[in-house]
């Protein structure tokens, strides 16, 4: 029986108004939706590949974002960076769940944990530094 994992619809309210970060943040949400489609079909080998794609995109995005946070001297940058590390670990755990004799319930829980963390980062965490960003 296929899982029923959710999708995230990109909202204008998610945007920071800083295109270099908004574009890659939107790509992360799209990557998460691609991953959800694969896992809903119980295509775990594709889920593992898409998890890795998400991880690589997240690492690139987080590195760029953390560089920006340094430049703008955002006071919460160390906590934000630590959250990014936990999000990457959650994505890596999901990739492993997809590779190691996947149990649909475990994969579902892993995906939902990743989705919740990404949404928390995009909707709440990133909004905390919005006013510090340069205006385009």
N, C-alpha and C. Protein backbone atom coordinates (compact mmCIF):
# COMPACT_ATOMS: atom_id res chain seq x y z
N UNK A 1 0.85 -1.19 0.00
CA UNK A 1 0.00 0.00 0.00
C UNK A 1 0.88 1.24 0.00
N UNK A 2 0.64 2.13 -0.92
CA UNK A 2 1.47 3.33 -1.06
C UNK A 2 1.23 4.28 0.11
N UNK A 3 2.29 4.98 0.46
CA UNK A 3 2.20 5.99 1.52
C UNK A 3 1.49 7.21 0.97
N UNK A 4 1.10 8.08 1.85
CA UNK A 4 0.46 9.32 1.44
C UNK A 4 1.19 10.48 2.11
N UNK A 5 2.35 10.81 1.55
CA UNK A 5 3.15 11.90 2.11
C UNK A 5 2.75 13.19 1.43
N UNK A 6 2.85 14.27 2.17
CA UNK A 6 2.39 15.54 1.67
C UNK A 6 3.36 16.24 0.73
N UNK A 7 2.86 17.31 0.19
CA UNK A 7 3.62 18.18 -0.69
C UNK A 7 3.59 19.58 -0.11
N UNK A 8 4.59 20.34 -0.46
CA UNK A 8 4.68 21.72 0.01
C UNK A 8 4.48 22.64 -1.18
N UNK A 9 3.50 23.51 -1.08
CA UNK A 9 3.28 24.50 -2.12
C UNK A 9 4.04 25.77 -1.74
N UNK A 10 4.92 26.21 -2.64
CA UNK A 10 5.70 27.42 -2.39
C UNK A 10 4.76 28.61 -2.27
N UNK A 11 4.96 29.39 -1.24
CA UNK A 11 4.13 30.57 -0.98
C UNK A 11 4.97 31.83 -1.11
N UNK A 12 4.38 32.88 -1.57
CA UNK A 12 5.08 34.15 -1.64
C UNK A 12 5.59 34.60 -0.28
N UNK A 13 4.87 34.21 0.76
CA UNK A 13 5.27 34.60 2.12
C UNK A 13 6.57 33.93 2.56
N UNK A 14 6.99 32.87 1.86
CA UNK A 14 8.25 32.20 2.19
C UNK A 14 9.45 33.02 1.74
N UNK A 15 9.23 33.90 0.76
CA UNK A 15 10.34 34.62 0.14
C UNK A 15 10.95 35.65 1.09
N UNK A 16 12.24 35.79 0.95
CA UNK A 16 13.00 36.74 1.76
C UNK A 16 13.20 38.06 1.03
N UNK A 17 12.95 38.07 -0.27
CA UNK A 17 13.21 39.26 -1.06
C UNK A 17 14.68 39.40 -1.43
N UNK A 18 15.40 38.30 -1.32
CA UNK A 18 16.83 38.27 -1.66
C UNK A 18 17.01 37.09 -2.61
N UNK A 19 17.00 37.38 -3.90
CA UNK A 19 16.93 36.36 -4.95
C UNK A 19 17.97 35.26 -4.86
N UNK A 20 19.25 35.58 -4.54
CA UNK A 20 20.23 34.48 -4.48
C UNK A 20 19.85 33.37 -3.49
N UNK A 21 19.18 33.72 -2.42
CA UNK A 21 18.75 32.69 -1.47
C UNK A 21 17.37 32.15 -1.81
N UNK A 22 16.47 33.02 -2.26
CA UNK A 22 15.11 32.56 -2.56
C UNK A 22 15.09 31.49 -3.63
N UNK A 23 15.90 31.64 -4.67
CA UNK A 23 15.91 30.65 -5.75
C UNK A 23 16.31 29.27 -5.24
N UNK A 24 17.36 29.20 -4.43
CA UNK A 24 17.80 27.88 -3.95
C UNK A 24 16.86 27.35 -2.86
N UNK A 25 16.22 28.21 -2.12
CA UNK A 25 15.23 27.75 -1.13
C UNK A 25 14.04 27.13 -1.85
N UNK A 26 13.62 27.77 -2.94
CA UNK A 26 12.51 27.23 -3.72
C UNK A 26 12.90 25.88 -4.32
N UNK A 27 14.14 25.75 -4.80
CA UNK A 27 14.61 24.47 -5.35
C UNK A 27 14.57 23.38 -4.28
N UNK A 28 14.91 23.72 -3.04
CA UNK A 28 14.85 22.72 -1.97
C UNK A 28 13.42 22.22 -1.76
N UNK A 29 12.47 23.12 -1.80
CA UNK A 29 11.07 22.73 -1.66
C UNK A 29 10.65 21.85 -2.84
N UNK A 30 11.05 22.22 -4.04
CA UNK A 30 10.73 21.40 -5.22
C UNK A 30 11.37 20.02 -5.10
N UNK A 31 12.60 19.97 -4.61
CA UNK A 31 13.30 18.69 -4.43
C UNK A 31 12.58 17.82 -3.40
N UNK A 32 12.10 18.44 -2.35
CA UNK A 32 11.34 17.71 -1.34
C UNK A 32 10.07 17.13 -1.95
N UNK A 33 9.41 17.89 -2.81
CA UNK A 33 8.19 17.40 -3.46
C UNK A 33 8.50 16.24 -4.41
N UNK A 34 9.62 16.32 -5.13
CA UNK A 34 10.03 15.20 -5.99
C UNK A 34 10.27 13.95 -5.15
N UNK A 35 10.91 14.13 -4.02
CA UNK A 35 11.17 13.02 -3.11
C UNK A 35 9.85 12.44 -2.60
N UNK A 36 8.92 13.29 -2.26
CA UNK A 36 7.61 12.83 -1.79
C UNK A 36 6.91 11.98 -2.85
N UNK A 37 6.97 12.42 -4.10
CA UNK A 37 6.34 11.64 -5.18
C UNK A 37 6.95 10.24 -5.27
N UNK A 38 8.26 10.15 -5.20
CA UNK A 38 8.92 8.83 -5.28
C UNK A 38 8.52 7.96 -4.09
N UNK A 39 8.51 8.54 -2.91
CA UNK A 39 8.19 7.75 -1.72
C UNK A 39 6.72 7.37 -1.68
N UNK A 40 5.85 8.23 -2.18
CA UNK A 40 4.43 7.88 -2.27
C UNK A 40 4.22 6.68 -3.18
N UNK A 41 5.09 6.51 -4.17
CA UNK A 41 5.03 5.37 -5.07
C UNK A 41 5.82 4.17 -4.54
N UNK A 42 6.40 4.34 -3.35
CA UNK A 42 7.24 3.33 -2.72
C UNK A 42 8.41 2.93 -3.63
N UNK A 43 8.91 3.90 -4.38
CA UNK A 43 10.10 3.71 -5.20
C UNK A 43 11.30 4.16 -4.35
N UNK A 44 11.76 3.26 -3.49
CA UNK A 44 12.77 3.63 -2.50
C UNK A 44 14.17 3.83 -3.10
N UNK A 45 14.46 3.14 -4.21
CA UNK A 45 15.76 3.40 -4.83
C UNK A 45 15.78 4.81 -5.41
N UNK A 46 14.67 5.22 -6.01
CA UNK A 46 14.56 6.61 -6.49
C UNK A 46 14.53 7.56 -5.29
N UNK A 47 13.88 7.15 -4.21
CA UNK A 47 13.86 7.96 -3.00
C UNK A 47 15.26 8.20 -2.46
N UNK A 48 16.09 7.17 -2.50
CA UNK A 48 17.48 7.33 -2.03
C UNK A 48 18.23 8.31 -2.93
N UNK A 49 18.05 8.18 -4.26
CA UNK A 49 18.72 9.10 -5.19
C UNK A 49 18.25 10.54 -4.99
N UNK A 50 16.95 10.70 -4.81
CA UNK A 50 16.40 12.05 -4.62
C UNK A 50 16.76 12.61 -3.24
N UNK A 51 16.91 11.74 -2.26
CA UNK A 51 17.40 12.19 -0.95
C UNK A 51 18.80 12.76 -1.09
N UNK A 52 19.64 12.05 -1.83
CA UNK A 52 21.01 12.52 -2.05
C UNK A 52 21.02 13.84 -2.83
N UNK A 53 20.15 13.96 -3.82
CA UNK A 53 20.05 15.22 -4.56
C UNK A 53 19.64 16.35 -3.62
N UNK A 54 18.69 16.07 -2.73
CA UNK A 54 18.26 17.07 -1.75
C UNK A 54 19.42 17.45 -0.83
N UNK A 55 20.14 16.44 -0.34
CA UNK A 55 21.27 16.67 0.57
C UNK A 55 22.31 17.57 -0.10
N UNK A 56 22.66 17.26 -1.33
CA UNK A 56 23.67 18.06 -2.04
C UNK A 56 23.19 19.49 -2.27
N UNK A 57 21.94 19.64 -2.67
CA UNK A 57 21.38 20.98 -2.87
C UNK A 57 21.32 21.74 -1.54
N UNK A 58 20.95 21.05 -0.48
CA UNK A 58 20.86 21.70 0.83
C UNK A 58 22.25 22.14 1.31
N UNK A 59 23.24 21.29 1.11
CA UNK A 59 24.60 21.68 1.51
C UNK A 59 25.06 22.94 0.78
N UNK A 60 24.81 22.99 -0.54
CA UNK A 60 25.20 24.18 -1.31
C UNK A 60 24.44 25.41 -0.82
N UNK A 61 23.14 25.25 -0.65
CA UNK A 61 22.32 26.37 -0.20
C UNK A 61 22.74 26.84 1.19
N UNK A 62 22.91 25.90 2.11
CA UNK A 62 23.27 26.28 3.48
C UNK A 62 24.62 26.97 3.54
N UNK A 63 25.57 26.49 2.74
CA UNK A 63 26.89 27.15 2.71
C UNK A 63 26.73 28.60 2.24
N UNK A 64 25.96 28.80 1.18
CA UNK A 64 25.73 30.15 0.66
C UNK A 64 25.02 31.01 1.71
N UNK A 65 23.97 30.45 2.30
CA UNK A 65 23.20 31.20 3.29
C UNK A 65 24.06 31.55 4.51
N UNK A 66 24.85 30.60 4.97
CA UNK A 66 25.70 30.85 6.14
C UNK A 66 26.76 31.90 5.84
N UNK A 67 27.27 31.92 4.61
CA UNK A 67 28.20 32.99 4.21
C UNK A 67 27.51 34.35 4.28
N UNK A 68 26.28 34.41 3.80
CA UNK A 68 25.52 35.67 3.86
C UNK A 68 25.30 36.08 5.32
N UNK A 69 24.95 35.12 6.17
CA UNK A 69 24.71 35.43 7.58
C UNK A 69 25.97 35.98 8.25
N UNK A 70 27.12 35.48 7.84
CA UNK A 70 28.39 36.03 8.36
C UNK A 70 28.59 37.47 7.91
N UNK A 71 28.38 37.70 6.62
CA UNK A 71 28.60 39.04 6.06
C UNK A 71 27.67 40.06 6.72
N UNK A 72 26.41 39.69 6.92
CA UNK A 72 25.46 40.65 7.51
C UNK A 72 25.52 40.64 9.04
N UNK A 73 26.39 39.78 9.58
CA UNK A 73 26.59 39.68 11.03
C UNK A 73 25.28 39.43 11.78
N UNK A 74 24.50 38.47 11.24
CA UNK A 74 23.25 38.09 11.89
C UNK A 74 23.56 37.48 13.25
N UNK A 75 22.97 38.00 14.32
CA UNK A 75 23.31 37.53 15.68
C UNK A 75 22.99 36.06 15.95
N UNK A 76 22.02 35.49 15.28
CA UNK A 76 21.65 34.10 15.52
C UNK A 76 22.28 33.12 14.56
N UNK A 77 23.37 33.53 13.90
CA UNK A 77 23.93 32.69 12.83
C UNK A 77 24.46 31.35 13.31
N UNK A 78 25.03 31.27 14.50
CA UNK A 78 25.56 29.98 14.98
C UNK A 78 24.44 28.99 15.25
N UNK A 79 23.36 29.44 15.86
CA UNK A 79 22.22 28.56 16.09
C UNK A 79 21.60 28.12 14.76
N UNK A 80 21.52 29.05 13.83
CA UNK A 80 20.94 28.75 12.53
C UNK A 80 21.80 27.71 11.80
N UNK A 81 23.10 27.88 11.87
CA UNK A 81 24.02 26.93 11.25
C UNK A 81 23.87 25.54 11.89
N UNK A 82 23.73 25.48 13.20
CA UNK A 82 23.55 24.20 13.89
C UNK A 82 22.25 23.52 13.44
N UNK A 83 21.20 24.30 13.23
CA UNK A 83 19.94 23.74 12.75
C UNK A 83 20.13 23.15 11.36
N UNK A 84 20.88 23.85 10.51
CA UNK A 84 21.17 23.31 9.18
C UNK A 84 21.86 21.95 9.29
N UNK A 85 22.79 21.82 10.21
CA UNK A 85 23.48 20.54 10.41
C UNK A 85 22.52 19.43 10.79
N UNK A 86 21.57 19.74 11.67
CA UNK A 86 20.58 18.74 12.08
C UNK A 86 19.66 18.37 10.91
N UNK A 87 19.34 19.34 10.07
CA UNK A 87 18.48 19.08 8.92
C UNK A 87 19.20 18.15 7.94
N UNK A 88 20.47 18.41 7.70
CA UNK A 88 21.26 17.53 6.81
C UNK A 88 21.31 16.11 7.38
N UNK A 89 21.53 15.97 8.68
CA UNK A 89 21.56 14.65 9.32
C UNK A 89 20.23 13.94 9.14
N UNK A 90 19.13 14.66 9.27
CA UNK A 90 17.80 14.07 9.08
C UNK A 90 17.64 13.57 7.65
N UNK A 91 18.12 14.36 6.68
CA UNK A 91 18.04 13.94 5.26
C UNK A 91 18.92 12.72 5.01
N UNK A 92 20.11 12.70 5.61
CA UNK A 92 21.00 11.54 5.46
C UNK A 92 20.37 10.29 6.06
N UNK A 93 19.69 10.44 7.18
CA UNK A 93 19.00 9.30 7.80
C UNK A 93 17.88 8.77 6.90
N UNK A 94 17.18 9.68 6.24
CA UNK A 94 16.12 9.26 5.32
C UNK A 94 16.72 8.50 4.14
N UNK A 95 17.84 8.98 3.63
CA UNK A 95 18.50 8.28 2.53
C UNK A 95 18.84 6.85 2.95
N UNK A 96 19.37 6.69 4.17
CA UNK A 96 19.71 5.35 4.67
C UNK A 96 18.46 4.48 4.80
N UNK A 97 17.36 5.08 5.28
CA UNK A 97 16.11 4.32 5.41
C UNK A 97 15.64 3.80 4.06
N UNK A 98 15.88 4.58 3.01
CA UNK A 98 15.47 4.17 1.67
C UNK A 98 16.36 3.06 1.12
N UNK A 99 17.59 3.00 1.56
CA UNK A 99 18.54 2.03 1.04
C UNK A 99 18.51 0.70 1.79
N UNK A 100 18.26 0.73 3.07
CA UNK A 100 18.42 -0.45 3.94
C UNK A 100 17.09 -1.15 4.17
N UNK A 101 16.68 -2.02 3.22
CA UNK A 101 15.46 -2.80 3.38
C UNK A 101 14.34 -1.92 3.94
N UNK A 102 13.86 -0.96 3.14
CA UNK A 102 12.95 0.07 3.64
C UNK A 102 11.66 -0.46 4.24
N UNK A 103 11.34 0.08 5.38
CA UNK A 103 10.05 -0.15 6.01
C UNK A 103 9.22 1.11 5.73
N UNK A 104 8.07 0.99 5.08
CA UNK A 104 7.29 2.17 4.70
C UNK A 104 6.97 3.11 5.86
N UNK A 105 6.67 2.56 7.01
CA UNK A 105 6.35 3.43 8.16
C UNK A 105 7.57 4.22 8.62
N UNK A 106 8.74 3.58 8.65
CA UNK A 106 9.96 4.28 9.03
C UNK A 106 10.31 5.36 8.01
N UNK A 107 10.17 5.02 6.72
CA UNK A 107 10.45 6.00 5.67
C UNK A 107 9.49 7.17 5.79
N UNK A 108 8.22 6.88 6.02
CA UNK A 108 7.22 7.94 6.17
C UNK A 108 7.58 8.87 7.33
N UNK A 109 7.93 8.28 8.46
CA UNK A 109 8.31 9.11 9.62
C UNK A 109 9.56 9.94 9.30
N UNK A 110 10.52 9.33 8.65
CA UNK A 110 11.74 10.05 8.28
C UNK A 110 11.46 11.20 7.34
N UNK A 111 10.60 10.95 6.35
CA UNK A 111 10.25 12.01 5.41
C UNK A 111 9.51 13.14 6.12
N UNK A 112 8.53 12.80 6.94
CA UNK A 112 7.76 13.84 7.63
C UNK A 112 8.66 14.66 8.55
N UNK A 113 9.64 14.01 9.18
CA UNK A 113 10.59 14.75 10.01
C UNK A 113 11.39 15.73 9.17
N UNK A 114 11.84 15.28 8.00
CA UNK A 114 12.59 16.16 7.11
C UNK A 114 11.72 17.31 6.61
N UNK A 115 10.52 17.00 6.20
CA UNK A 115 9.61 18.03 5.71
C UNK A 115 9.34 19.09 6.79
N UNK A 116 9.08 18.64 7.99
CA UNK A 116 8.82 19.58 9.09
C UNK A 116 10.03 20.45 9.38
N UNK A 117 11.21 19.86 9.35
CA UNK A 117 12.42 20.65 9.61
C UNK A 117 12.64 21.68 8.51
N UNK A 118 12.45 21.27 7.25
CA UNK A 118 12.66 22.22 6.16
C UNK A 118 11.64 23.36 6.24
N UNK A 119 10.39 23.01 6.51
CA UNK A 119 9.38 24.06 6.64
C UNK A 119 9.69 24.99 7.80
N UNK A 120 10.14 24.42 8.91
CA UNK A 120 10.52 25.26 10.05
C UNK A 120 11.64 26.21 9.67
N UNK A 121 12.60 25.71 8.89
CA UNK A 121 13.71 26.56 8.47
C UNK A 121 13.24 27.64 7.51
N UNK A 122 12.46 27.27 6.51
CA UNK A 122 12.03 28.21 5.47
C UNK A 122 11.00 29.21 6.02
N UNK A 123 10.04 28.73 6.78
CA UNK A 123 8.95 29.60 7.23
C UNK A 123 9.34 30.42 8.45
N UNK A 124 10.03 29.82 9.39
CA UNK A 124 10.35 30.52 10.63
C UNK A 124 11.81 30.96 10.69
N UNK A 125 12.72 30.02 10.63
CA UNK A 125 14.13 30.31 10.86
C UNK A 125 14.70 31.35 9.93
N UNK A 126 14.44 31.21 8.63
CA UNK A 126 14.99 32.16 7.67
C UNK A 126 14.34 33.53 7.79
N UNK A 127 13.10 33.56 8.20
CA UNK A 127 12.42 34.85 8.36
C UNK A 127 13.06 35.69 9.47
N UNK A 128 13.75 35.03 10.39
CA UNK A 128 14.40 35.76 11.49
C UNK A 128 15.49 36.70 11.00
N UNK A 129 16.11 36.37 9.85
CA UNK A 129 17.18 37.25 9.36
C UNK A 129 16.76 38.07 8.14
N UNK A 130 15.52 37.99 7.77
CA UNK A 130 15.00 38.70 6.59
C UNK A 130 15.34 40.19 6.61
N UNK A 131 15.12 40.83 7.73
CA UNK A 131 15.35 42.29 7.81
C UNK A 131 16.82 42.67 7.79
N UNK A 132 17.71 41.71 7.97
CA UNK A 132 19.15 41.97 7.94
C UNK A 132 19.71 41.93 6.52
N UNK A 133 18.95 41.31 5.60
CA UNK A 133 19.45 41.11 4.23
C UNK A 133 19.49 42.42 3.45
N UNK A 134 20.44 42.50 2.52
CA UNK A 134 20.47 43.69 1.66
C UNK A 134 19.22 43.75 0.79
N UNK A 135 18.74 44.90 0.54
CA UNK A 135 17.55 45.08 -0.30
C UNK A 135 17.97 45.10 -1.76
N UNK A 136 17.22 44.38 -2.57
CA UNK A 136 17.55 44.31 -4.00
C UNK A 136 16.72 45.31 -4.77
